[in-house]
Amino acid sequence: MKVLVTIPTYNEAESLPHIVERVRTATPHVEILVVDDNSPDGTGQIADRLAAQDPGIHVLHRAGKEGLGRAYIAAFQWALGRDYTHVVEMDADGSHRPEQLPALLGRALAPDGPALVIGSRYVRGGELVGWPKYRELLSRAGNLYIKACLGLPASDVTAGYRVYRADILRLIELDSVEATGYFFQTAMTDRVHACGGKIAEVPISFAQREAGESKLSGNIFVESFLTATRMGATRRASQVKKLFTSFGAS
């Protein structure tokens, strides 16, 4: 098992050194790729200094901010050009606890070989720490709605703490994944499911970010709701069409 932990950054100068140190302590055998979108606060330069001190840390500099999805796709493509067997998504802000990564990696190595392991807030043992109640209710309801629309076999389809097998990423046409923001995680879950990959979930404690400012907004949740609705409606229409076609042929 050769693991690459990918950490997208944009103005994470305050949190990045600490999160990298925690990853190194919790999982000394993994390598880290910081994907920086030309952060004005110098995050990219901090990442370069960390990489100069540790050969297991790499940095991918991008020209500017294009969204979380594009940053992860760039990271996936970077990883697939090397010999990694698993690729991890992790936020730089401390909301994903590196101390829980061994549990995710352990599940990824289980005999059933899941293609995707999601660090889930909404399975038994998972929890949200420090979230206001309205935001928790919005997140739970959104996950239930998206899961119902798309028929996905997971409780936390929007979660961003996850482990992919490299071979499933090779099956996905990454350049065709259009979602760039919050819906990216759902779109990737959907692609894994469509490829026949097994999806497993491991409970995590998901906390409020420890440093910096949140990049989520109400518009992001509305976009996810509308996208899931559109995708679900298209699939239902296709299923109905196939049903009528089969009746007509019989």
C-alpha atoms as a PDB file:
ATOM      1  CA  MET A   1       0.000   0.000   0.000  1.00  0.00           C
ATOM      2  CA  LYS A   2       1.509   3.305  -1.092  1.00  0.00           C
ATOM      3  CA  VAL A   3      -0.627   6.232   0.019  1.00  0.00           C
ATOM      4  CA  LEU A   4      -0.713   9.858  -1.110  1.00  0.00           C
ATOM      5  CA  VAL A   5      -2.605  12.340   1.076  1.00  0.00           C
ATOM      6  CA  THR A   6      -3.772  15.266  -1.061  1.00  0.00           C
ATOM      7  CA  ILE A   7      -4.403  18.586   0.681  1.00  0.00           C
ATOM      8  CA  PRO A   8      -5.818  21.445  -1.443  1.00  0.00           C
ATOM      9  CA  THR A   9      -5.029  24.894  -0.075  1.00  0.00           C
ATOM     10  CA  TYR A  10      -6.116  28.463  -0.585  1.00  0.00           C
ATOM     11  CA  ASN A  11      -5.069  30.876   2.151  1.00  0.00           C
ATOM     12  CA  GLU A  12      -4.236  28.153   4.676  1.00  0.00           C
ATOM     13  CA  ALA A  13      -0.903  29.588   5.867  1.00  0.00           C
ATOM     14  CA  GLU A  14      -1.991  29.422   9.499  1.00  0.00           C
ATOM     15  CA  SER A  15      -3.165  25.817   9.495  1.00  0.00           C
ATOM     16  CA  LEU A  16      -0.995  23.997   6.937  1.00  0.00           C
ATOM     17  CA  PRO A  17       2.185  23.383   8.992  1.00  0.00           C
ATOM     18  CA  HIS A  18       0.184  21.975  11.896  1.00  0.00           C
ATOM     19  CA  ILE A  19      -1.984  19.703   9.748  1.00  0.00           C
ATOM     20  CA  VAL A  20       1.073  18.351   7.898  1.00  0.00           C
ATOM     21  CA  GLU A  21       2.785  17.646  11.212  1.00  0.00           C
ATOM     22  CA  ARG A  22      -0.298  15.775  12.463  1.00  0.00           C
ATOM     23  CA  VAL A  23      -0.488  13.673   9.292  1.00  0.00           C
ATOM     24  CA  ARG A  24       3.182  12.832   9.635  1.00  0.00           C
ATOM     25  CA  THR A  25       2.690  11.797  13.288  1.00  0.00           C
ATOM     26  CA  ALA A  26      -0.469   9.746  12.723  1.00  0.00           C
ATOM     27  CA  THR A  27       0.671   8.037   9.511  1.00  0.00           C
ATOM     28  CA  PRO A  28       4.450   8.335   9.051  1.00  0.00           C
ATOM     29  CA  HIS A  29       4.438   5.985   6.035  1.00  0.00           C
ATOM     30  CA  VAL A  30       2.227   8.142   3.775  1.00  0.00           C
ATOM     31  CA  GLU A  31       3.331  10.887   1.399  1.00  0.00           C
ATOM     32  CA  ILE A  32       1.645  14.274   1.151  1.00  0.00           C
ATOM     33  CA  LEU A  33       0.791  16.441  -1.847  1.00  0.00           C
ATOM     34  CA  VAL A  34      -0.148  20.065  -1.136  1.00  0.00           C
ATOM     35  CA  VAL A  35      -2.114  21.538  -4.051  1.00  0.00           C
ATOM     36  CA  ASP A  36      -1.979  25.309  -3.734  1.00  0.00           C
ATOM     37  CA  ASP A  37      -4.068  27.645  -5.886  1.00  0.00           C
ATOM     38  CA  ASN A  38      -1.642  30.580  -5.747  1.00  0.00           C
ATOM     39  CA  SER A  39      -2.733  31.628  -2.253  1.00  0.00           C
ATOM     40  CA  PRO A  40      -2.221  35.356  -1.632  1.00  0.00           C
ATOM     41  CA  ASP A  41      -1.223  34.658   1.994  1.00  0.00           C
ATOM     42  CA  GLY A  42       1.895  32.688   1.021  1.00  0.00           C
ATOM     43  CA  THR A  43       0.595  29.184   1.691  1.00  0.00           C
ATOM     44  CA  GLY A  44       2.418  27.906  -1.388  1.00  0.00           C
ATOM     45  CA  GLN A  45       5.769  29.208  -0.135  1.00  0.00           C
ATOM     46  CA  ILE A  46       5.163  27.584   3.255  1.00  0.00           C
ATOM     47  CA  ALA A  47       4.408  24.305   1.477  1.00  0.00           C
ATOM     48  CA  ASP A  48       7.661  24.616  -0.472  1.00  0.00           C
ATOM     49  CA  ARG A  49       9.608  25.045   2.769  1.00  0.00           C
ATOM     50  CA  LEU A  50       7.954  21.971   4.267  1.00  0.00           C
ATOM     51  CA  ALA A  51       8.771  19.969   1.135  1.00  0.00           C
ATOM     52  CA  ALA A  52      12.404  21.079   1.240  1.00  0.00           C
ATOM     53  CA  GLN A  53      12.663  19.589   4.738  1.00  0.00           C
ATOM     54  CA  ASP A  54      10.857  16.310   4.004  1.00  0.00           C
ATOM     55  CA  PRO A  55      11.176  14.196   0.817  1.00  0.00           C
ATOM     56  CA  GLY A  56       7.744  12.693   1.510  1.00  0.00           C
ATOM     57  CA  ILE A  57       6.060  16.087   1.005  1.00  0.00           C
ATOM     58  CA  HIS A  58       5.341  17.369  -2.498  1.00  0.00           C
ATOM     59  CA  VAL A  59       3.802  20.601  -3.777  1.00  0.00           C
ATOM     60  CA  LEU A  60       1.690  21.223  -6.865  1.00  0.00           C
ATOM     61  CA  HIS A  61       1.343  24.926  -7.670  1.00  0.00           C
ATOM     62  CA  ARG A  62      -1.646  26.010  -9.759  1.00  0.00           C
ATOM     63  CA  ALA A  63      -2.114  29.360 -11.462  1.00  0.00           C
ATOM     64  CA  GLY A  64      -5.179  30.438  -9.505  1.00  0.00           C
ATOM     65  CA  LYS A  65      -8.340  29.473  -7.691  1.00  0.00           C
ATOM     66  CA  GLU A  66     -10.530  27.224  -9.865  1.00  0.00           C
ATOM     67  CA  GLY A  67     -12.520  25.376  -7.221  1.00  0.00           C
ATOM     68  CA  LEU A  68     -12.022  22.364  -4.980  1.00  0.00           C
ATOM     69  CA  GLY A  69     -12.964  19.869  -7.668  1.00  0.00           C
ATOM     70  CA  ARG A  70     -10.361  21.041 -10.161  1.00  0.00           C
ATOM     71  CA  ALA A  71      -7.709  21.031  -7.440  1.00  0.00           C
ATOM     72  CA  TYR A  72      -8.505  17.420  -6.535  1.00  0.00           C
ATOM     73  CA  ILE A  73      -8.597  16.317 -10.171  1.00  0.00           C
ATOM     74  CA  ALA A  74      -5.140  17.842 -10.659  1.00  0.00           C
ATOM     75  CA  ALA A  75      -3.981  15.954  -7.566  1.00  0.00           C
ATOM     76  CA  PHE A  76      -5.499  12.679  -8.797  1.00  0.00           C
ATOM     77  CA  GLN A  77      -3.815  13.040 -12.156  1.00  0.00           C
ATOM     78  CA  TRP A  78      -0.503  13.804 -10.465  1.00  0.00           C
ATOM     79  CA  ALA A  79      -0.887  10.683  -8.310  1.00  0.00           C
ATOM     80  CA  LEU A  80      -1.869   8.443 -11.238  1.00  0.00           C
ATOM     81  CA  GLY A  81       1.361   9.400 -12.974  1.00  0.00           C
ATOM     82  CA  ARG A  82       3.222   7.712 -10.113  1.00  0.00           C
ATOM     83  CA  ASP A  83       2.964   4.361  -8.312  1.00  0.00           C
ATOM     84  CA  TYR A  84       0.508   5.171  -5.525  1.00  0.00           C
ATOM     85  CA  THR A  85      -2.123   2.554  -4.716  1.00  0.00           C
ATOM     86  CA  HIS A  86      -4.449   4.842  -2.712  1.00  0.00           C
ATOM     87  CA  VAL A  87      -5.200   8.560  -2.752  1.00  0.00           C
ATOM     88  CA  VAL A  88      -6.629  10.403   0.256  1.00  0.00           C
ATOM     89  CA  GLU A  89      -8.618  13.637   0.267  1.00  0.00           C
ATOM     90  CA  MET A  90      -8.105  15.786   3.365  1.00  0.00           C
ATOM     91  CA  ASP A  91      -8.933  19.396   4.216  1.00  0.00           C
ATOM     92  CA  ALA A  92      -6.167  21.687   5.458  1.00  0.00           C
ATOM     93  CA  ASP A  93      -8.307  23.407   8.079  1.00  0.00           C
ATOM     94  CA  GLY A  94      -8.306  20.713  10.783  1.00  0.00           C
ATOM     95  CA  SER A  95     -11.913  19.629  10.307  1.00  0.00           C
ATOM     96  CA  HIS A  96     -10.598  16.255   9.082  1.00  0.00           C
ATOM     97  CA  ARG A  97      -8.589  14.758  11.915  1.00  0.00           C
ATOM     98  CA  PRO A  98      -5.368  13.078  10.748  1.00  0.00           C
ATOM     99  CA  GLU A  99      -5.521  10.895  13.846  1.00  0.00           C
ATOM    100  CA  GLN A 100      -8.508   9.117  12.269  1.00  0.00           C
ATOM    101  CA  LEU A 101      -6.725   8.403   8.980  1.00  0.00           C
ATOM    102  CA  PRO A 102      -5.364   5.005  10.143  1.00  0.00           C
ATOM    103  CA  ALA A 103      -8.970   3.797  10.525  1.00  0.00           C
ATOM    104  CA  LEU A 104      -9.828   4.859   6.964  1.00  0.00           C
ATOM    105  CA  LEU A 105      -6.691   3.229   5.570  1.00  0.00           C
ATOM    106  CA  GLY A 106      -7.364   0.072   7.559  1.00  0.00           C
ATOM    107  CA  ARG A 107     -10.815  -0.159   6.007  1.00  0.00           C
ATOM    108  CA  ALA A 108      -9.310   0.428   2.560  1.00  0.00           C
ATOM    109  CA  LEU A 109      -7.073  -2.616   3.124  1.00  0.00           C
ATOM    110  CA  ALA A 110      -9.941  -4.898   4.209  1.00  0.00           C
ATOM    111  CA  PRO A 111     -10.394  -8.162   2.254  1.00  0.00           C
ATOM    112  CA  ASP A 112     -13.427  -6.796   0.373  1.00  0.00           C
ATOM    113  CA  GLY A 113     -11.174  -4.088  -1.098  1.00  0.00           C
ATOM    114  CA  PRO A 114     -13.518  -1.081  -1.250  1.00  0.00           C
ATOM    115  CA  ALA A 115     -12.865   1.301  -4.139  1.00  0.00           C
ATOM    116  CA  LEU A 116     -13.856   4.255  -1.973  1.00  0.00           C
ATOM    117  CA  VAL A 117     -13.784   4.671   1.799  1.00  0.00           C
ATOM    118  CA  ILE A 118     -15.693   7.681   3.115  1.00  0.00           C
ATOM    119  CA  GLY A 119     -15.042   9.206   6.513  1.00  0.00           C
ATOM    120  CA  SER A 120     -18.680   9.551   7.485  1.00  0.00           C
ATOM    121  CA  ARG A 121     -20.425  11.842   9.915  1.00  0.00           C
ATOM    122  CA  TYR A 122     -23.720  10.019   9.574  1.00  0.00           C
ATOM    123  CA  VAL A 123     -23.042   6.353  10.321  1.00  0.00           C
ATOM    124  CA  ARG A 124     -23.075   4.882  13.819  1.00  0.00           C
ATOM    125  CA  GLY A 125     -20.156   6.355  15.736  1.00  0.00           C
ATOM    126  CA  GLY A 126     -19.820   9.418  13.521  1.00  0.00           C
ATOM    127  CA  GLU A 127     -20.375  12.884  14.929  1.00  0.00           C
ATOM    128  CA  LEU A 128     -20.326  16.599  14.234  1.00  0.00           C
ATOM    129  CA  VAL A 129     -18.373  18.690  16.719  1.00  0.00           C
ATOM    130  CA  GLY A 130     -19.081  22.366  17.240  1.00  0.00           C
ATOM    131  CA  TRP A 131     -21.613  22.732  14.433  1.00  0.00           C
ATOM    132  CA  PRO A 132     -24.710  24.895  14.981  1.00  0.00           C
ATOM    133  CA  LYS A 133     -27.876  22.818  14.917  1.00  0.00           C
ATOM    134  CA  TYR A 134     -29.316  24.502  11.805  1.00  0.00           C
ATOM    135  CA  ARG A 135     -26.213  23.648   9.789  1.00  0.00           C
ATOM    136  CA  GLU A 136     -26.260  20.044  10.963  1.00  0.00           C
ATOM    137  CA  LEU A 137     -29.928  19.686  10.000  1.00  0.00           C
ATOM    138  CA  LEU A 138     -29.257  21.248   6.600  1.00  0.00           C
ATOM    139  CA  SER A 139     -26.354  18.870   5.969  1.00  0.00           C
ATOM    140  CA  ARG A 140     -28.265  15.776   7.084  1.00  0.00           C
ATOM    141  CA  ALA A 141     -31.321  16.687   5.015  1.00  0.00           C
ATOM    142  CA  GLY A 142     -29.173  17.484   2.001  1.00  0.00           C
ATOM    143  CA  ASN A 143     -27.421  14.126   2.184  1.00  0.00           C
ATOM    144  CA  LEU A 144     -30.711  12.248   2.479  1.00  0.00           C
ATOM    145  CA  TYR A 145     -32.159  14.135  -0.484  1.00  0.00           C
ATOM    146  CA  ILE A 146     -29.107  13.654  -2.722  1.00  0.00           C
ATOM    147  CA  LYS A 147     -28.857   9.982  -1.782  1.00  0.00           C
ATOM    148  CA  ALA A 148     -32.527   9.488  -2.706  1.00  0.00           C
ATOM    149  CA  CYS A 149     -32.193  11.399  -5.994  1.00  0.00           C
ATOM    150  CA  LEU A 150     -29.150   9.509  -7.196  1.00  0.00           C
ATOM    151  CA  GLY A 151     -29.613   6.147  -5.507  1.00  0.00           C
ATOM    152  CA  LEU A 152     -26.182   6.162  -3.884  1.00  0.00           C
ATOM    153  CA  PRO A 153     -25.243   3.476  -1.307  1.00  0.00           C
ATOM    154  CA  ALA A 154     -23.735   5.830   1.276  1.00  0.00           C
ATOM    155  CA  SER A 155     -24.993   7.904   4.185  1.00  0.00           C
ATOM    156  CA  ASP A 156     -22.581  10.817   3.751  1.00  0.00           C
ATOM    157  CA  VAL A 157     -22.238  11.400   0.017  1.00  0.00           C
ATOM    158  CA  THR A 158     -20.977  14.990   0.444  1.00  0.00           C
ATOM    159  CA  ALA A 159     -18.153  14.102   2.845  1.00  0.00           C
ATOM    160  CA  GLY A 160     -14.677  15.244   1.845  1.00  0.00           C
ATOM    161  CA  TYR A 161     -12.504  12.945   3.990  1.00  0.00           C
ATOM    162  CA  ARG A 162     -12.045   9.859   1.831  1.00  0.00           C
ATOM    163  CA  VAL A 163      -9.692   7.252   0.393  1.00  0.00           C
ATOM    164  CA  TYR A 164      -9.809   6.159  -3.256  1.00  0.00           C
ATOM    165  CA  ARG A 165      -8.116   3.138  -4.754  1.00  0.00           C
ATOM    166  CA  ALA A 166      -5.938   4.385  -7.596  1.00  0.00           C
ATOM    167  CA  ASP A 167      -7.364   1.832 -10.009  1.00  0.00           C
ATOM    168  CA  ILE A 168     -10.915   3.178  -9.602  1.00  0.00           C
ATOM    169  CA  LEU A 169      -9.652   6.695 -10.357  1.00  0.00           C
ATOM    170  CA  ARG A 170      -8.181   5.336 -13.589  1.00  0.00           C
ATOM    171  CA  LEU A 171     -11.617   4.038 -14.600  1.00  0.00           C
ATOM    172  CA  ILE A 172     -13.219   7.437 -14.080  1.00  0.00           C
ATOM    173  CA  GLU A 173     -12.861   9.972 -16.883  1.00  0.00           C
ATOM    174  CA  LEU A 174     -11.597  12.666 -14.547  1.00  0.00           C
ATOM    175  CA  ASP A 175     -11.535  15.411 -17.166  1.00  0.00           C
ATOM    176  CA  SER A 176     -15.267  14.917 -17.715  1.00  0.00           C
ATOM    177  CA  VAL A 177     -16.180  15.555 -14.055  1.00  0.00           C
ATOM    178  CA  GLU A 178     -17.797  18.975 -14.383  1.00  0.00           C
ATOM    179  CA  ALA A 179     -18.525  19.690 -10.712  1.00  0.00           C
ATOM    180  CA  THR A 180     -15.884  22.019  -9.297  1.00  0.00           C
ATOM    181  CA  GLY A 181     -17.330  23.070  -5.937  1.00  0.00           C
ATOM    182  CA  TYR A 182     -19.181  21.444  -3.074  1.00  0.00           C
ATOM    183  CA  PHE A 183     -20.999  18.984  -5.365  1.00  0.00           C
ATOM    184  CA  PHE A 184     -17.676  17.485  -6.495  1.00  0.00           C
ATOM    185  CA  GLN A 185     -17.688  14.909  -3.684  1.00  0.00           C
ATOM    186  CA  THR A 186     -21.170  13.737  -4.649  1.00  0.00           C
ATOM    187  CA  ALA A 187     -20.223  13.571  -8.322  1.00  0.00           C
ATOM    188  CA  MET A 188     -17.190  11.420  -7.533  1.00  0.00           C
ATOM    189  CA  THR A 189     -19.253   9.121  -5.296  1.00  0.00           C
ATOM    190  CA  ASP A 190     -21.692   8.743  -8.167  1.00  0.00           C
ATOM    191  CA  ARG A 191     -18.871   7.931 -10.622  1.00  0.00           C
ATOM    192  CA  VAL A 192     -17.405   5.263  -8.331  1.00  0.00           C
ATOM    193  CA  HIS A 193     -20.842   3.688  -7.942  1.00  0.00           C
ATOM    194  CA  ALA A 194     -21.432   3.782 -11.705  1.00  0.00           C
ATOM    195  CA  CYS A 195     -18.121   1.980 -12.238  1.00  0.00           C
ATOM    196  CA  GLY A 196     -19.247  -0.808  -9.928  1.00  0.00           C
ATOM    197  CA  GLY A 197     -16.840   0.129  -7.149  1.00  0.00           C
ATOM    198  CA  LYS A 198     -17.688  -0.847  -3.594  1.00  0.00           C
ATOM    199  CA  ILE A 199     -18.245   2.122  -1.262  1.00  0.00           C
ATOM    200  CA  ALA A 200     -17.561   1.747   2.462  1.00  0.00           C
ATOM    201  CA  GLU A 201     -17.946   4.210   5.319  1.00  0.00           C
ATOM    202  CA  VAL A 202     -15.959   4.689   8.528  1.00  0.00           C
ATOM    203  CA  PRO A 203     -17.267   6.891  11.349  1.00  0.00           C
ATOM    204  CA  ILE A 204     -15.346  10.102  12.007  1.00  0.00           C
ATOM    205  CA  SER A 205     -15.599  13.144  14.226  1.00  0.00           C
ATOM    206  CA  PHE A 206     -16.014  16.156  11.953  1.00  0.00           C
ATOM    207  CA  ALA A 207     -15.190  19.444  13.620  1.00  0.00           C
ATOM    208  CA  GLN A 208     -15.556  23.100  12.822  1.00  0.00           C
ATOM    209  CA  ARG A 209     -12.443  24.330  11.036  1.00  0.00           C
ATOM    210  CA  GLU A 210      -9.642  25.113  13.479  1.00  0.00           C
ATOM    211  CA  ALA A 211      -8.173  28.066  11.557  1.00  0.00           C
ATOM    212  CA  GLY A 212      -8.995  30.468   8.739  1.00  0.00           C
ATOM    213  CA  GLU A 213     -12.381  31.286   7.274  1.00  0.00           C
ATOM    214  CA  SER A 214     -14.975  28.901   5.857  1.00  0.00           C
ATOM    215  CA  LYS A 215     -15.310  28.937   2.072  1.00  0.00           C
ATOM    216  CA  LEU A 216     -18.844  27.492   2.112  1.00  0.00           C
ATOM    217  CA  SER A 217     -21.874  29.645   1.392  1.00  0.00           C
ATOM    218  CA  GLY A 218     -25.614  29.224   1.069  1.00  0.00           C
ATOM    219  CA  ASN A 219     -25.281  29.316  -2.710  1.00  0.00           C
ATOM    220  CA  ILE A 220     -23.145  26.165  -2.590  1.00  0.00           C
ATOM    221  CA  PHE A 221     -25.913  24.195  -0.878  1.00  0.00           C
ATOM    222  CA  VAL A 222     -28.510  25.499  -3.339  1.00  0.00           C
ATOM    223  CA  GLU A 223     -26.265  24.485  -6.246  1.00  0.00           C
ATOM    224  CA  SER A 224     -25.924  20.953  -4.861  1.00  0.00           C
ATOM    225  CA  PHE A 225     -29.685  20.656  -4.349  1.00  0.00           C
ATOM    226  CA  LEU A 226     -30.466  21.807  -7.893  1.00  0.00           C
ATOM    227  CA  THR A 227     -27.764  19.646  -9.489  1.00  0.00           C
ATOM    228  CA  ALA A 228     -28.928  16.519  -7.669  1.00  0.00           C
ATOM    229  CA  THR A 229     -32.538  17.270  -8.614  1.00  0.00           C
ATOM    230  CA  ARG A 230     -31.633  17.691 -12.283  1.00  0.00           C
ATOM    231  CA  MET A 231     -29.539  14.521 -12.369  1.00  0.00           C
ATOM    232  CA  GLY A 232     -32.217  12.515 -10.582  1.00  0.00           C
ATOM    233  CA  ALA A 233     -34.966  13.755 -12.896  1.00  0.00           C
ATOM    234  CA  THR A 234     -32.901  12.903 -15.972  1.00  0.00           C
ATOM    235  CA  ARG A 235     -32.320   9.378 -14.707  1.00  0.00           C
ATOM    236  CA  ARG A 236     -35.967   8.817 -13.857  1.00  0.00           C
ATOM    237  CA  ALA A 237     -36.992  10.031 -17.309  1.00  0.00           C
ATOM    238  CA  SER A 238     -34.494   7.655 -18.915  1.00  0.00           C
ATOM    239  CA  GLN A 239     -35.792   4.745 -16.841  1.00  0.00           C
ATOM    240  CA  VAL A 240     -39.407   5.505 -17.800  1.00  0.00           C
ATOM    241  CA  LYS A 241     -38.427   5.745 -21.475  1.00  0.00           C
ATOM    242  CA  LYS A 242     -36.686   2.365 -21.337  1.00  0.00           C
ATOM    243  CA  LEU A 243     -39.708   0.860 -19.614  1.00  0.00           C
ATOM    244  CA  PHE A 244     -42.101   2.058 -22.313  1.00  0.00           C
ATOM    245  CA  THR A 245     -39.658   0.951 -25.016  1.00  0.00           C
ATOM    246  CA  SER A 246     -39.510  -2.552 -23.541  1.00  0.00           C
ATOM    247  CA  PHE A 247     -43.329  -2.721 -23.402  1.00  0.00           C
ATOM    248  CA  GLY A 248     -43.537  -1.596 -27.013  1.00  0.00           C
ATOM    249  CA  ALA A 249     -41.084  -4.278 -28.110  1.00  0.00           C
ATOM    250  CA  SER A 250     -42.949  -7.071 -26.332  1.00  0.00           C
END
